[in-house]
Amino acid sequence: MDVKEVVEHLVALKVMRLTKPALISPKIVTCDSKDLPGNILNNFLKDDATSVTQMETLAAGQFLLLPQSFGNIYLGETFSCYVCVHNETNQPVQSVSIKADLQTNSQRIVLTTQQSQNPTMLDVDETLSDVIHHEVKDLGTHILVCEVTYMSNYSTLASFRKFFKFEVMKPLDVKTKFYNAESDDVYLEAQVQNITTGAIILEQVSLESSHQFNVKSLNEIEDGKSVFGEVTLLQSQESCQYLYCLSPKEHISKEIKLLAAAKNIGKLDIVWRSNLGEKGRLQTSQLQRKTPEYGDIRVTFENLPSKVPVDEPFGFTCKIVNASDRTLDLILKLRSIQDASLLWCGISNKKLGPIEPGNNICVNLTALPINTGLYSLNGVSLVDLFLKRTYDYDDLASVFVC
C-alpha cells in the first residue's frame, strides 16, 4: 500500500504495510516441440525468474516473493505499518507531526507514534518516519487514519488525513464439546480448524481453567511429548482435536449446590505461526458447560473395581447425596433383575436417614457375578417416604467379569 499526497501540501505522506515475503514455486507448463504450441511454452518457462537454469521442468526449489498487495490480516496477528512524511519543497517545513488512529466497528484506538507529541522541523528533502505495531483483536472492517500536521507558509497550522481500509478475518474455527462424568470431572474436547488460505503451525493450545476447576491436559504421552509429534502442522481447512480433563476443586466437589453452579470452565489460549514465522495468538471467550440436573437425590458408586473374578462376591460403596432443600427419609431397595448376571447380596428395604440438605450417607453393597463379560449395575432403588416416590438407578457403573 503506497499513497502519496497531492502537491498543494508542503509535505507528502506515504504509508506501507510491513509484512514478510511468501514462498513461491515455479509453475511448470510445458509440451513437446512437435505439439501445436511448439517451443513457446518451453521458452516462456526458461524466461521465468522462479525456474532454475537447465532444470526448468523439475520445480527444484522455492523463492521469496515480495508482497504484491496489502494481503490478508487475521485476528490475533500483529498489524505493522511504516508511516513516512517527506518534505518535497525547496524550503524547511516547521512543526511536522504524525498521528495515527485505528477505527473498528466498535471503537477508535489511538496508535502510539514517536513523532505525535514532539513536532519536528523537516529540512529540504528530509523525511520523518515511524513504525506502528498493533495486535488486532476485532473482526471486520478496520480503517487506519493517518493525520499529518505542519506549519504552513502563512504561519498557520495545516493538516491533512489519509484513510486506509482493510479487513480482519477469522484465522481459526474452534468447536468444543463437554462431557460431565459421574466422578464430577468434566472432559473438554476442542477441535481447532485452520481456515486461513495457507498452512500454519500450532505452537501452543492450552486451557486456562477458571478458579473452580483444576485442569489436566490429555494431549501428551508418558514422556511429556505431544501426541501430535514435534510439530503440529495444519494445512488450510485441516483440523486437530485436543482433550482436557477438569476436576472441581475440593471445596466445590463437597457442596452439591456449588457443583451445580460451576458452569464456567475457562478459556482456550492458542498460539500459531504462519508463512515465514509470523506469530498470532487467539483466546476464546469464557467456555461454559451445561451442568447436569441432579434432582432431589444424587447416587454415585465409589471404590468400585473395574475387573472382578466370576463367582466371587465383590464390595463397593453407594454414596447418596441429598440435593434437595428438605430433609429426606429414604428406603434402599435392591431389585432382582430377570436373567441378571450380577446378583445382590445383603439386606434390601433398608431405611436410611434422616439426611439433611446437602449432606450425604454411604452404604456398603455387595454383588455376586455369575457370568463373564461386561455388565452394568442395575436394580438399585430409593423410596422417598414423604412423597411416596420411587427413584430407580440403573447403568450408573459397569464392571468387567473375567
Protein backbone atom coordinates (compact mmCIF):
# COMPACT_ATOMS: atom_id res chain seq x y z
CA MET A 1 0.00 0.00 0.00
CA ASP A 2 1.57 3.26 -1.11
CA VAL A 3 -0.34 6.56 -1.11
CA LYS A 4 1.20 9.94 -1.91
CA GLU A 5 -0.26 13.33 -1.02
CA VAL A 6 -1.19 15.88 -3.71
CA VAL A 7 1.05 18.87 -4.38
CA GLU A 8 -0.92 21.61 -2.61
CA HIS A 9 0.56 20.46 0.70
CA LEU A 10 4.17 21.13 1.60
CA VAL A 11 4.79 17.53 2.68
CA ALA A 12 3.91 14.15 1.23
CA LEU A 13 2.59 11.14 3.15
CA LYS A 14 3.39 7.51 2.38
CA VAL A 15 2.04 4.51 4.31
CA MET A 16 3.25 0.96 3.67
CA ARG A 17 2.33 -2.25 5.41
CA LEU A 18 5.26 -4.25 6.78
CA THR A 19 4.89 -7.95 6.13
CA LYS A 20 7.18 -10.83 5.34
CA PRO A 21 7.53 -12.27 1.83
CA ALA A 22 5.93 -15.52 0.76
CA LEU A 23 7.41 -18.68 -0.72
CA ILE A 24 6.65 -19.36 -4.36
CA SER A 25 7.45 -22.29 -6.65
CA PRO A 26 7.65 -22.21 -10.45
CA LYS A 27 4.52 -23.31 -12.30
CA ILE A 28 5.57 -25.86 -14.87
CA VAL A 29 3.56 -25.86 -18.10
CA THR A 30 5.43 -27.46 -20.99
CA CYS A 31 4.87 -29.59 -24.07
CA ASP A 32 6.74 -31.45 -26.78
CA SER A 33 8.31 -29.37 -29.56
CA LYS A 34 6.24 -31.32 -32.10
CA ASP A 35 2.97 -30.20 -30.49
CA LEU A 36 0.95 -27.26 -31.75
CA PRO A 37 2.45 -24.61 -29.34
CA GLY A 38 5.95 -25.66 -30.42
CA ASN A 39 8.65 -24.19 -28.14
CA ILE A 40 6.57 -21.24 -26.95
CA LEU A 41 5.78 -22.75 -23.53
CA ASN A 42 9.33 -24.06 -23.10
CA ASN A 43 10.86 -20.67 -23.89
CA PHE A 44 8.44 -18.95 -21.53
CA LEU A 45 9.43 -21.34 -18.73
CA LYS A 46 13.14 -20.64 -19.36
CA ASP A 47 12.47 -16.91 -19.01
CA ASP A 48 10.59 -17.38 -15.73
CA ALA A 49 12.60 -15.89 -12.86
CA THR A 50 11.47 -18.66 -10.47
CA SER A 51 12.85 -21.52 -12.61
CA VAL A 52 16.36 -22.97 -12.25
CA THR A 53 18.59 -22.86 -15.32
CA GLN A 54 18.67 -26.20 -17.17
CA MET A 55 16.23 -27.61 -14.60
CA GLU A 56 13.13 -25.69 -15.67
CA THR A 57 10.83 -28.73 -15.60
CA LEU A 58 11.79 -30.03 -12.15
CA ALA A 59 10.49 -27.33 -9.72
CA ALA A 60 13.80 -27.65 -7.91
CA GLY A 61 13.20 -25.06 -5.20
CA GLN A 62 11.21 -22.19 -3.80
CA PHE A 63 11.82 -18.46 -3.99
CA LEU A 64 10.86 -15.47 -1.90
CA LEU A 65 8.11 -13.34 -3.39
CA LEU A 66 7.74 -9.78 -2.12
CA PRO A 67 4.16 -8.76 -1.16
CA GLN A 68 2.21 -7.66 -4.22
CA SER A 69 -0.80 -6.28 -2.32
CA PHE A 70 -1.98 -5.35 1.16
CA GLY A 71 -2.54 -9.06 1.89
CA ASN A 72 -4.71 -10.84 4.44
CA ILE A 73 -4.78 -9.85 8.11
CA TYR A 74 -6.09 -12.37 10.61
CA LEU A 75 -7.46 -11.88 14.09
CA GLY A 76 -4.70 -12.23 16.68
CA GLU A 77 -1.87 -11.19 14.37
CA THR A 78 0.19 -8.02 14.79
CA PHE A 79 -0.50 -5.33 12.20
CA SER A 80 2.65 -3.36 11.36
CA CYS A 81 2.99 -0.40 9.02
CA TYR A 82 5.59 2.18 8.06
CA VAL A 83 4.45 5.83 8.06
CA CYS A 84 6.63 8.37 6.27
CA VAL A 85 6.34 12.16 5.77
CA HIS A 86 8.67 13.70 3.20
CA ASN A 87 9.47 17.38 2.55
CA GLU A 88 9.50 17.83 -1.24
CA THR A 89 9.70 21.63 -1.24
CA ASN A 90 12.79 23.83 -1.53
CA GLN A 91 12.46 25.24 1.99
CA PRO A 92 12.23 23.83 5.54
CA VAL A 93 8.82 22.93 6.97
CA GLN A 94 8.19 23.66 10.65
CA SER A 95 6.31 21.71 13.35
CA VAL A 96 5.69 18.49 11.47
CA SER A 97 3.96 15.68 13.43
CA ILE A 98 2.20 12.41 12.67
CA LYS A 99 -0.84 10.93 14.41
CA ALA A 100 -2.43 7.57 13.69
CA ASP A 101 -5.75 6.08 14.78
CA LEU A 102 -7.36 2.73 14.04
CA GLN A 103 -11.15 2.70 13.72
CA THR A 104 -13.06 -0.55 14.18
CA ASN A 105 -16.79 -1.28 14.20
CA SER A 106 -16.92 -0.68 17.95
CA GLN A 107 -14.08 1.63 18.97
CA ARG A 108 -11.35 4.07 17.97
CA ILE A 109 -7.83 3.12 19.02
CA VAL A 110 -5.04 5.67 19.29
CA LEU A 111 -1.81 4.19 17.92
CA THR A 112 1.42 5.30 19.55
CA THR A 113 3.88 7.17 17.32
CA GLN A 114 7.18 8.67 18.42
CA GLN A 115 6.52 11.87 16.48
CA SER A 116 2.96 12.51 17.66
CA GLN A 117 3.91 14.58 20.71
CA ASN A 118 7.13 16.26 19.55
CA PRO A 119 6.75 18.27 16.32
CA THR A 120 9.86 18.23 14.16
CA MET A 121 11.33 20.56 11.56
CA LEU A 122 11.88 18.93 8.18
CA ASP A 123 14.70 20.32 6.07
CA VAL A 124 14.67 20.13 2.28
CA ASP A 125 14.30 16.52 1.07
CA GLU A 126 14.25 15.30 4.68
CA THR A 127 11.98 12.53 5.96
CA LEU A 128 10.05 11.96 9.19
CA SER A 129 9.05 8.33 9.69
CA ASP A 130 7.84 5.85 12.25
CA VAL A 131 6.81 2.17 12.52
CA ILE A 132 3.49 1.31 14.15
CA HIS A 133 2.61 -2.07 15.66
CA HIS A 134 -0.84 -3.12 16.85
CA GLU A 135 -2.23 -6.54 17.82
CA VAL A 136 -5.56 -6.97 16.03
CA LYS A 137 -8.32 -8.01 18.44
CA ASP A 138 -11.51 -7.31 16.45
CA LEU A 139 -13.02 -8.85 13.34
CA GLY A 140 -14.42 -6.92 10.42
CA THR A 141 -13.54 -3.66 8.72
CA HIS A 142 -10.66 -1.58 10.07
CA ILE A 143 -9.71 1.92 8.92
CA LEU A 144 -6.23 3.29 9.54
CA VAL A 145 -6.40 7.08 9.83
CA CYS A 146 -3.09 8.94 9.47
CA GLU A 147 -3.04 12.68 10.16
CA VAL A 148 -0.11 14.97 9.35
CA THR A 149 0.12 18.44 10.91
CA TYR A 150 2.66 21.11 9.96
CA MET A 151 3.21 24.89 9.87
CA SER A 152 2.30 26.41 6.50
CA ASN A 153 3.99 29.33 4.74
CA TYR A 154 1.44 31.66 6.30
CA SER A 155 2.48 30.66 9.85
CA THR A 156 -0.75 28.77 10.41
CA LEU A 157 -1.25 25.13 11.24
CA ALA A 158 -2.19 22.99 8.27
CA SER A 159 -3.14 19.33 8.28
CA PHE A 160 -4.49 16.55 6.14
CA ARG A 161 -5.61 12.96 6.61
CA LYS A 162 -5.37 9.75 4.69
CA PHE A 163 -7.59 6.70 5.21
CA PHE A 164 -6.52 3.11 4.60
CA LYS A 165 -9.18 0.40 4.79
CA PHE A 166 -8.56 -3.30 5.37
CA GLU A 167 -10.46 -6.38 6.56
CA VAL A 168 -9.57 -8.57 9.53
CA MET A 169 -10.61 -12.18 9.05
CA LYS A 170 -11.03 -15.16 11.34
CA PRO A 171 -7.99 -17.48 11.26
CA LEU A 172 -9.27 -20.45 13.28
CA ASP A 173 -12.58 -22.16 13.84
CA VAL A 174 -12.83 -23.59 17.35
CA LYS A 175 -15.57 -26.09 18.27
CA THR A 176 -15.97 -27.51 21.78
CA LYS A 177 -17.82 -30.44 23.33
CA PHE A 178 -18.34 -31.17 27.03
CA TYR A 179 -18.90 -34.45 28.84
CA ASN A 180 -19.91 -34.49 32.53
CA ALA A 181 -18.58 -37.69 34.13
CA GLU A 182 -20.15 -39.40 37.14
CA SER A 183 -16.97 -38.66 39.09
CA ASP A 184 -17.74 -34.90 38.81
CA ASP A 185 -14.90 -34.50 36.32
CA VAL A 186 -15.58 -32.56 33.13
CA TYR A 187 -13.97 -33.59 29.84
CA LEU A 188 -13.50 -30.91 27.19
CA GLU A 189 -12.89 -31.78 23.55
CA ALA A 190 -11.66 -28.83 21.46
CA GLN A 191 -11.43 -29.03 17.67
CA VAL A 192 -9.18 -26.36 16.12
CA GLN A 193 -9.52 -25.88 12.35
CA ASN A 194 -7.26 -23.79 10.13
CA ILE A 195 -9.47 -21.58 7.95
CA THR A 196 -6.69 -19.37 6.58
CA THR A 197 -5.52 -19.62 2.98
CA GLY A 198 -2.17 -21.19 3.89
CA ALA A 199 -0.55 -23.67 6.25
CA ILE A 200 0.00 -22.81 9.92
CA ILE A 201 1.86 -24.42 12.82
CA LEU A 202 0.04 -24.68 16.15
CA GLU A 203 2.70 -23.68 18.64
CA GLN A 204 0.53 -23.85 21.74
CA VAL A 205 -3.03 -24.90 22.57
CA SER A 206 -3.66 -24.66 26.32
CA LEU A 207 -6.68 -24.36 28.57
CA GLU A 208 -6.66 -21.69 31.26
CA SER A 209 -9.17 -23.07 33.74
CA SER A 210 -11.44 -20.97 35.92
CA HIS A 211 -10.92 -20.70 39.67
CA GLN A 212 -13.45 -23.51 40.19
CA PHE A 213 -11.50 -26.27 38.40
CA ASN A 214 -8.07 -27.86 38.12
CA VAL A 215 -7.13 -28.77 34.55
CA LYS A 216 -5.09 -31.68 33.20
CA SER A 217 -4.07 -31.92 29.56
CA LEU A 218 -4.58 -35.33 27.93
CA ASN A 219 -2.59 -34.45 24.82
CA GLU A 220 0.79 -35.75 25.99
CA ILE A 221 2.19 -39.24 26.30
CA GLU A 222 4.13 -40.58 29.28
CA ASP A 223 7.44 -38.85 28.50
CA GLY A 224 5.72 -35.46 28.16
CA LYS A 225 5.86 -35.32 24.36
CA SER A 226 2.83 -34.21 22.37
CA VAL A 227 0.68 -36.94 20.83
CA PHE A 228 0.80 -34.96 17.57
CA GLY A 229 4.60 -35.08 17.31
CA GLU A 230 7.19 -32.33 17.49
CA VAL A 231 5.37 -30.05 15.01
CA THR A 232 1.60 -29.67 14.66
CA LEU A 233 1.23 -28.56 11.04
CA LEU A 234 -2.24 -27.78 9.71
CA GLN A 235 -2.87 -27.21 6.04
CA SER A 236 -5.78 -25.00 5.03
CA GLN A 237 -9.13 -26.46 6.22
CA GLU A 238 -7.41 -29.17 8.28
CA SER A 239 -8.24 -29.57 11.96
CA CYS A 240 -6.77 -31.03 15.14
CA GLN A 241 -8.55 -32.23 18.29
CA TYR A 242 -7.42 -31.64 21.87
CA LEU A 243 -8.73 -33.21 25.08
CA TYR A 244 -8.67 -31.85 28.64
CA CYS A 245 -9.90 -33.14 32.00
CA LEU A 246 -11.15 -30.64 34.57
CA SER A 247 -11.65 -31.65 38.18
CA PRO A 248 -13.66 -29.43 40.53
CA LYS A 249 -11.69 -28.09 43.47
CA GLU A 250 -12.20 -29.78 46.82
CA HIS A 251 -14.47 -27.17 48.41
CA ILE A 252 -16.73 -27.22 45.34
CA SER A 253 -16.98 -31.01 44.98
CA LYS A 254 -18.18 -31.28 48.59
CA GLU A 255 -21.11 -28.87 48.07
CA ILE A 256 -23.77 -30.09 45.65
CA LYS A 257 -25.09 -26.54 45.08
CA LEU A 258 -21.65 -25.16 44.30
CA LEU A 259 -21.02 -28.06 41.94
CA ALA A 260 -24.29 -27.46 40.10
CA ALA A 261 -23.44 -23.76 39.76
CA ALA A 262 -19.91 -24.36 38.44
CA LYS A 263 -20.56 -23.56 34.78
CA ASN A 264 -17.50 -21.54 33.78
CA ILE A 265 -14.76 -23.87 32.54
CA GLY A 266 -12.07 -21.47 31.36
CA LYS A 267 -10.52 -20.11 28.16
CA LEU A 268 -8.56 -21.70 25.35
CA ASP A 269 -5.29 -19.93 24.56
CA ILE A 270 -3.98 -20.69 21.04
CA VAL A 271 -0.64 -19.55 19.59
CA TRP A 272 0.27 -20.27 15.97
CA ARG A 273 2.81 -19.26 13.34
CA SER A 274 2.19 -18.84 9.64
CA ASN A 275 4.12 -18.15 6.42
CA LEU A 276 7.72 -17.38 7.45
CA GLY A 277 7.15 -17.35 11.18
CA GLU A 278 4.57 -14.59 11.76
CA LYS A 279 3.09 -15.13 15.20
CA GLY A 280 -0.59 -14.99 16.03
CA ARG A 281 -2.49 -15.50 19.25
CA LEU A 282 -6.17 -16.14 19.84
CA GLN A 283 -8.03 -16.52 23.12
CA THR A 284 -11.61 -17.73 23.23
CA SER A 285 -14.30 -16.26 25.41
CA GLN A 286 -15.21 -17.97 28.69
CA LEU A 287 -16.34 -21.52 27.89
CA GLN A 288 -19.45 -22.69 29.72
CA ARG A 289 -20.77 -26.18 30.22
CA LYS A 290 -24.35 -27.31 30.78
CA THR A 291 -24.42 -28.62 34.33
CA PRO A 292 -26.25 -31.91 34.90
CA GLU A 293 -29.62 -31.99 36.64
CA TYR A 294 -29.15 -33.88 39.89
CA GLY A 295 -32.77 -33.72 41.05
CA ASP A 296 -33.55 -34.29 44.72
CA ILE A 297 -31.21 -37.25 45.14
CA ARG A 298 -27.80 -37.96 43.64
CA VAL A 299 -26.41 -41.51 43.70
CA THR A 300 -22.82 -42.48 42.81
CA PHE A 301 -20.77 -45.66 43.22
CA GLU A 302 -17.31 -45.35 44.78
CA ASN A 303 -14.41 -47.77 45.31
CA LEU A 304 -15.82 -49.96 42.56
CA PRO A 305 -13.29 -52.36 40.98
CA SER A 306 -13.08 -52.27 37.20
CA LYS A 307 -12.43 -56.03 36.91
CA VAL A 308 -13.71 -58.82 39.16
CA PRO A 309 -13.48 -62.64 39.03
CA VAL A 310 -16.60 -64.67 38.31
CA ASP A 311 -18.44 -66.41 41.20
CA GLU A 312 -16.65 -64.28 43.79
CA PRO A 313 -18.54 -61.52 45.67
CA PHE A 314 -17.12 -58.00 45.49
CA GLY A 315 -17.97 -54.92 47.52
CA PHE A 316 -18.19 -51.20 46.84
CA THR A 317 -19.74 -48.05 48.31
CA CYS A 318 -23.00 -46.40 47.32
CA LYS A 319 -22.93 -42.66 48.08
CA ILE A 320 -26.33 -40.95 48.41
CA VAL A 321 -26.42 -37.13 48.43
CA ASN A 322 -29.42 -35.02 49.41
CA ALA A 323 -29.59 -32.38 46.66
CA SER A 324 -33.00 -31.03 47.77
CA ASP A 325 -33.91 -28.25 50.20
CA ARG A 326 -35.61 -30.57 52.71
CA THR A 327 -34.68 -33.45 54.98
CA LEU A 328 -35.03 -36.86 53.33
CA ASP A 329 -36.11 -40.18 54.84
CA LEU A 330 -35.27 -42.94 52.36
CA ILE A 331 -35.53 -46.69 51.97
CA LEU A 332 -32.87 -48.53 49.95
CA LYS A 333 -34.18 -51.39 47.82
CA LEU A 334 -32.14 -53.89 45.84
CA ARG A 335 -34.28 -55.18 42.98
CA SER A 336 -33.81 -58.54 41.30
CA ILE A 337 -33.50 -58.26 37.52
CA GLN A 338 -34.58 -61.23 35.42
CA ASP A 339 -31.67 -63.04 33.70
CA ALA A 340 -29.23 -60.74 35.51
CA SER A 341 -25.54 -61.67 35.55
CA LEU A 342 -24.93 -59.72 38.77
CA LEU A 343 -26.86 -60.74 41.89
CA TRP A 344 -27.20 -58.62 45.02
CA CYS A 345 -26.01 -59.95 48.36
CA GLY A 346 -27.31 -58.40 51.57
CA ILE A 347 -30.41 -56.80 53.07
CA SER A 348 -32.97 -54.93 50.98
CA ASN A 349 -35.58 -52.41 52.22
CA LYS A 350 -33.00 -50.79 54.48
CA LYS A 351 -34.10 -47.47 56.00
CA LEU A 352 -31.74 -44.51 55.55
CA GLY A 353 -31.96 -41.13 57.15
CA PRO A 354 -32.75 -38.62 58.09
CA ILE A 355 -30.40 -36.93 55.59
CA GLU A 356 -30.15 -33.15 55.92
CA PRO A 357 -29.99 -30.92 52.78
CA GLY A 358 -26.51 -31.00 51.26
CA ASN A 359 -25.41 -33.98 53.40
CA ASN A 360 -24.70 -37.50 52.25
CA ILE A 361 -24.69 -41.06 53.51
CA CYS A 362 -22.57 -44.01 52.35
CA VAL A 363 -23.86 -47.58 52.21
CA ASN A 364 -21.70 -50.65 51.61
CA LEU A 365 -23.10 -53.00 48.95
CA THR A 366 -22.03 -56.46 47.77
CA ALA A 367 -22.73 -58.14 44.42
CA LEU A 368 -22.06 -61.63 43.07
CA PRO A 369 -21.17 -62.08 39.35
CA ILE A 370 -22.36 -65.38 37.85
CA ASN A 371 -21.38 -64.85 34.18
CA THR A 372 -18.31 -63.46 32.45
CA GLY A 373 -18.47 -60.27 30.39
CA LEU A 374 -19.06 -56.52 30.80
CA TYR A 375 -22.16 -55.79 32.87
CA SER A 376 -23.93 -52.74 34.32
CA LEU A 377 -25.01 -52.46 37.91
CA ASN A 378 -28.82 -52.45 37.88
CA GLY A 379 -31.57 -52.81 40.45
CA VAL A 380 -30.84 -50.01 42.95
CA SER A 381 -33.95 -48.08 44.07
CA LEU A 382 -34.65 -45.40 46.67
CA VAL A 383 -38.10 -44.72 48.11
CA ASP A 384 -38.90 -41.24 49.46
CA LEU A 385 -41.14 -41.86 52.48
CA PHE A 386 -42.55 -38.32 52.46
CA LEU A 387 -43.52 -38.09 48.77
CA LYS A 388 -44.10 -41.86 48.40
CA ARG A 389 -41.95 -41.66 45.26
CA THR A 390 -39.56 -44.35 44.00
CA TYR A 391 -36.29 -43.48 42.22
CA ASP A 392 -34.63 -46.21 40.13
CA TYR A 393 -30.88 -46.05 39.44
CA ASP A 394 -29.63 -48.27 36.63
CA ASP A 395 -26.50 -48.21 34.47
CA LEU A 396 -24.61 -45.95 36.88
CA ALA A 397 -21.45 -48.03 36.52
CA SER A 398 -20.10 -51.15 34.81
CA VAL A 399 -17.71 -53.93 35.81
CA PHE A 400 -15.82 -56.48 33.74
CA VAL A 401 -16.24 -60.07 34.95
CA CYS A 402 -13.48 -62.47 33.96
